[in-house]
């Protein structure tokens, strides 16, 4: 099993993208463009997440990245670290994902904003530590959980969170979900 750093990952993406792009800046632009089209299909209801299972999560990744990466919708086969954070080891991805999605599907009703913020912080941090894909984890997790919160009677207004504040909360969520929970308290709205 290999592990990679950002430079090795950038080279991997350049060598395997479906558009034969060889410039990383151009690849990032193409990825952003194709992602935005596929994400818009979700907003328009053309593509729907229905069961919030592991398979739905994998299918969502495929939906979002199928135009740019051949590994869209496939769990990674390399170890992954970002900074000092080591994500789920490859050999445990399936078991960890199965357990996590079982809990997600059997989650009780969110009775209050406080419960919603706490549980969303939990699932956000756990899915982030799972980090099952070679690229596109954060965007896939965000969209998946935005749709999931609707089934619990809440809207998550992700666009109301500052990038630096969000990144700091995600880094801290490895050991404490408190900052993330506070961000969600400010960005969740009860809809029924």
Protein backbone atom coordinates (compact mmCIF):
# COMPACT_ATOMS: atom_id res chain seq x y z
CA UNK A 1 0.00 0.00 0.00
CA UNK A 2 1.36 3.32 -1.00
CA UNK A 3 0.91 6.63 0.74
CA UNK A 4 1.25 9.97 -0.93
CA UNK A 5 1.88 13.59 -0.18
CA UNK A 6 0.30 16.56 -1.97
CA UNK A 7 2.97 16.66 -4.69
CA UNK A 8 2.61 12.95 -5.46
CA UNK A 9 -1.17 13.31 -5.47
CA UNK A 10 -1.00 16.26 -7.88
CA UNK A 11 1.15 14.17 -10.22
CA UNK A 12 -1.26 11.25 -9.91
CA UNK A 13 -4.22 13.48 -10.83
CA UNK A 14 -2.32 14.90 -13.82
CA UNK A 15 -1.39 11.41 -15.02
CA UNK A 16 -4.85 9.88 -14.63
CA UNK A 17 -7.44 12.56 -15.42
CA UNK A 18 -9.90 11.73 -18.19
CA UNK A 19 -9.24 14.94 -20.13
CA UNK A 20 -5.48 14.36 -20.57
CA UNK A 21 -4.73 17.71 -18.92
CA UNK A 22 -1.05 18.11 -18.06
CA UNK A 23 -1.10 21.49 -16.30
CA UNK A 24 -2.26 21.42 -12.67
CA UNK A 25 -3.90 24.87 -12.74
CA UNK A 26 -5.83 23.87 -15.85
CA UNK A 27 -6.84 20.61 -14.18
CA UNK A 28 -8.15 22.50 -11.14
CA UNK A 29 -10.21 24.76 -13.40
CA UNK A 30 -11.62 21.82 -15.36
CA UNK A 31 -12.41 19.96 -12.13
CA UNK A 32 -14.20 23.02 -10.70
CA UNK A 33 -16.19 23.43 -13.91
CA UNK A 34 -17.28 19.78 -14.23
CA UNK A 35 -18.00 19.61 -10.50
CA UNK A 36 -20.21 22.72 -10.64
CA UNK A 37 -22.29 21.25 -13.47
CA UNK A 38 -22.81 17.96 -11.64
CA UNK A 39 -23.52 19.70 -8.31
CA UNK A 40 -26.11 21.90 -10.06
CA UNK A 41 -27.91 18.73 -11.16
CA UNK A 42 -28.38 17.88 -7.48
CA UNK A 43 -29.73 21.36 -6.69
CA UNK A 44 -32.12 21.08 -9.66
CA UNK A 45 -33.34 17.65 -8.54
CA UNK A 46 -31.99 15.86 -11.63
CA UNK A 47 -29.86 13.69 -9.34
CA UNK A 48 -31.18 12.67 -5.91
CA UNK A 49 -29.71 10.98 -2.89
CA UNK A 50 -32.42 8.78 -1.45
CA UNK A 51 -31.25 6.26 1.14
CA UNK A 52 -28.07 7.88 2.57
CA UNK A 53 -26.27 4.56 2.51
CA UNK A 54 -22.63 3.81 1.79
CA UNK A 55 -23.66 3.01 -1.78
CA UNK A 56 -25.44 6.37 -2.11
CA UNK A 57 -22.30 8.12 -0.86
CA UNK A 58 -20.14 6.26 -3.40
CA UNK A 59 -22.68 7.01 -6.16
CA UNK A 60 -22.63 10.70 -5.22
CA UNK A 61 -18.85 10.82 -5.60
CA UNK A 62 -19.22 9.20 -9.00
CA UNK A 63 -21.90 11.72 -9.96
CA UNK A 64 -19.70 14.67 -9.00
CA UNK A 65 -16.37 13.54 -10.49
CA UNK A 66 -17.21 11.13 -13.33
CA UNK A 67 -16.25 13.63 -16.01
CA UNK A 68 -12.73 14.22 -14.73
CA UNK A 69 -11.37 11.18 -12.84
CA UNK A 70 -11.41 7.45 -13.66
CA UNK A 71 -11.50 6.65 -9.93
CA UNK A 72 -14.81 8.50 -9.40
CA UNK A 73 -17.00 6.42 -7.11
CA UNK A 74 -14.14 4.18 -5.95
CA UNK A 75 -12.56 4.00 -2.52
CA UNK A 76 -8.88 4.89 -2.51
CA UNK A 77 -6.19 2.22 -2.47
CA UNK A 78 -3.48 4.38 -0.88
CA UNK A 79 -2.90 5.62 2.64
CA UNK A 80 -3.75 9.28 3.02
CA UNK A 81 -2.42 12.05 5.23
CA UNK A 82 -2.91 15.79 5.07
CA UNK A 83 -0.59 17.78 7.27
CA UNK A 84 -0.40 15.82 10.52
CA UNK A 85 -3.80 14.17 10.09
CA UNK A 86 -3.76 10.50 9.14
CA UNK A 87 -7.08 9.39 7.69
CA UNK A 88 -8.62 5.93 7.92
CA UNK A 89 -6.18 3.20 6.93
CA UNK A 90 -7.02 1.56 3.61
CA UNK A 91 -7.55 -1.89 5.09
CA UNK A 92 -10.28 -0.51 7.41
CA UNK A 93 -12.18 1.68 4.92
CA UNK A 94 -15.00 -0.75 4.16
CA UNK A 95 -15.62 -1.76 7.78
CA UNK A 96 -15.43 1.84 9.06
CA UNK A 97 -17.72 3.05 6.27
CA UNK A 98 -20.25 0.26 6.82
CA UNK A 99 -20.46 1.03 10.53
CA UNK A 100 -20.66 4.78 10.00
CA UNK A 101 -23.38 4.60 7.36
CA UNK A 102 -25.34 2.12 9.48
CA UNK A 103 -25.32 4.71 12.30
CA UNK A 104 -26.27 7.47 9.86
CA UNK A 105 -29.25 5.51 8.53
CA UNK A 106 -30.42 4.59 12.04
CA UNK A 107 -30.02 8.06 13.50
CA UNK A 108 -32.99 9.12 15.63
CA UNK A 109 -34.95 12.32 15.07
CA UNK A 110 -33.08 15.56 15.75
CA UNK A 111 -35.36 17.17 18.32
CA UNK A 112 -33.59 20.55 18.58
CA UNK A 113 -31.08 22.82 16.93
CA UNK A 114 -28.53 21.85 19.58
CA UNK A 115 -28.97 18.14 18.86
CA UNK A 116 -28.78 18.81 15.11
CA UNK A 117 -25.52 20.77 15.48
CA UNK A 118 -23.99 18.10 17.71
CA UNK A 119 -24.95 15.20 15.45
CA UNK A 120 -23.99 17.01 12.24
CA UNK A 121 -20.58 17.81 13.78
CA UNK A 122 -20.18 14.15 14.69
CA UNK A 123 -21.04 12.84 11.21
CA UNK A 124 -19.00 15.56 9.49
CA UNK A 125 -15.89 14.78 11.51
CA UNK A 126 -16.33 10.99 11.17
CA UNK A 127 -16.86 11.16 7.39
CA UNK A 128 -13.85 13.44 7.15
CA UNK A 129 -11.69 10.93 9.04
CA UNK A 130 -13.00 8.17 6.75
CA UNK A 131 -11.78 10.21 3.74
CA UNK A 132 -12.44 7.30 1.38
CA UNK A 133 -11.70 8.88 -1.99
CA UNK A 134 -8.46 9.88 -3.66
CA UNK A 135 -9.86 13.38 -4.36
CA UNK A 136 -13.12 15.24 -3.68
CA UNK A 137 -13.86 14.05 -0.15
CA UNK A 138 -14.77 17.42 1.35
CA UNK A 139 -17.16 18.39 -1.43
CA UNK A 140 -18.81 14.98 -1.50
CA UNK A 141 -19.24 14.96 2.30
CA UNK A 142 -20.63 18.51 2.32
CA UNK A 143 -23.27 17.82 -0.34
CA UNK A 144 -24.19 14.46 1.19
CA UNK A 145 -24.67 15.99 4.64
CA UNK A 146 -26.51 19.04 3.31
CA UNK A 147 -29.05 16.69 1.76
CA UNK A 148 -29.11 14.47 4.87
CA UNK A 149 -29.87 17.39 7.21
CA UNK A 150 -32.98 18.12 5.13
CA UNK A 151 -34.31 14.65 6.03
CA UNK A 152 -33.88 15.62 9.68
CA UNK A 153 -35.84 18.85 9.26
CA UNK A 154 -32.93 21.28 8.99
CA UNK A 155 -31.08 23.27 6.35
CA UNK A 156 -27.31 23.58 6.65
CA UNK A 157 -26.21 26.94 5.24
CA UNK A 158 -22.60 25.99 4.46
CA UNK A 159 -22.07 29.15 2.42
CA UNK A 160 -22.44 31.22 5.63
CA UNK A 161 -19.22 29.78 7.12
CA UNK A 162 -15.90 31.54 6.60
CA UNK A 163 -13.31 29.33 4.93
CA UNK A 164 -10.55 29.82 7.53
CA UNK A 165 -12.95 29.35 10.42
CA UNK A 166 -14.29 26.17 8.82
CA UNK A 167 -10.82 24.76 8.10
CA UNK A 168 -9.73 25.40 11.69
CA UNK A 169 -12.85 23.68 13.02
CA UNK A 170 -12.22 20.69 10.74
CA UNK A 171 -8.61 20.40 11.88
CA UNK A 172 -9.71 20.56 15.53
CA UNK A 173 -12.50 18.02 14.93
CA UNK A 174 -9.88 15.25 14.95
CA UNK A 175 -9.82 15.59 18.74
CA UNK A 176 -12.84 17.78 19.56
CA UNK A 177 -16.01 18.59 17.65
CA UNK A 178 -16.78 21.69 19.77
CA UNK A 179 -15.72 24.34 17.20
CA UNK A 180 -17.54 22.51 14.43
CA UNK A 181 -20.65 22.18 16.56
CA UNK A 182 -20.60 25.94 17.26
CA UNK A 183 -20.31 26.68 13.55
CA UNK A 184 -23.29 24.45 12.88
CA UNK A 185 -25.34 26.15 15.59
CA UNK A 186 -24.92 29.37 13.59
CA UNK A 187 -25.59 27.82 10.17
CA UNK A 188 -28.42 25.35 10.72
CA UNK A 189 -32.04 26.40 10.30
CA UNK A 190 -35.02 24.31 11.36
CA UNK A 191 -37.45 23.92 8.45
CA UNK A 192 -40.26 21.93 10.11
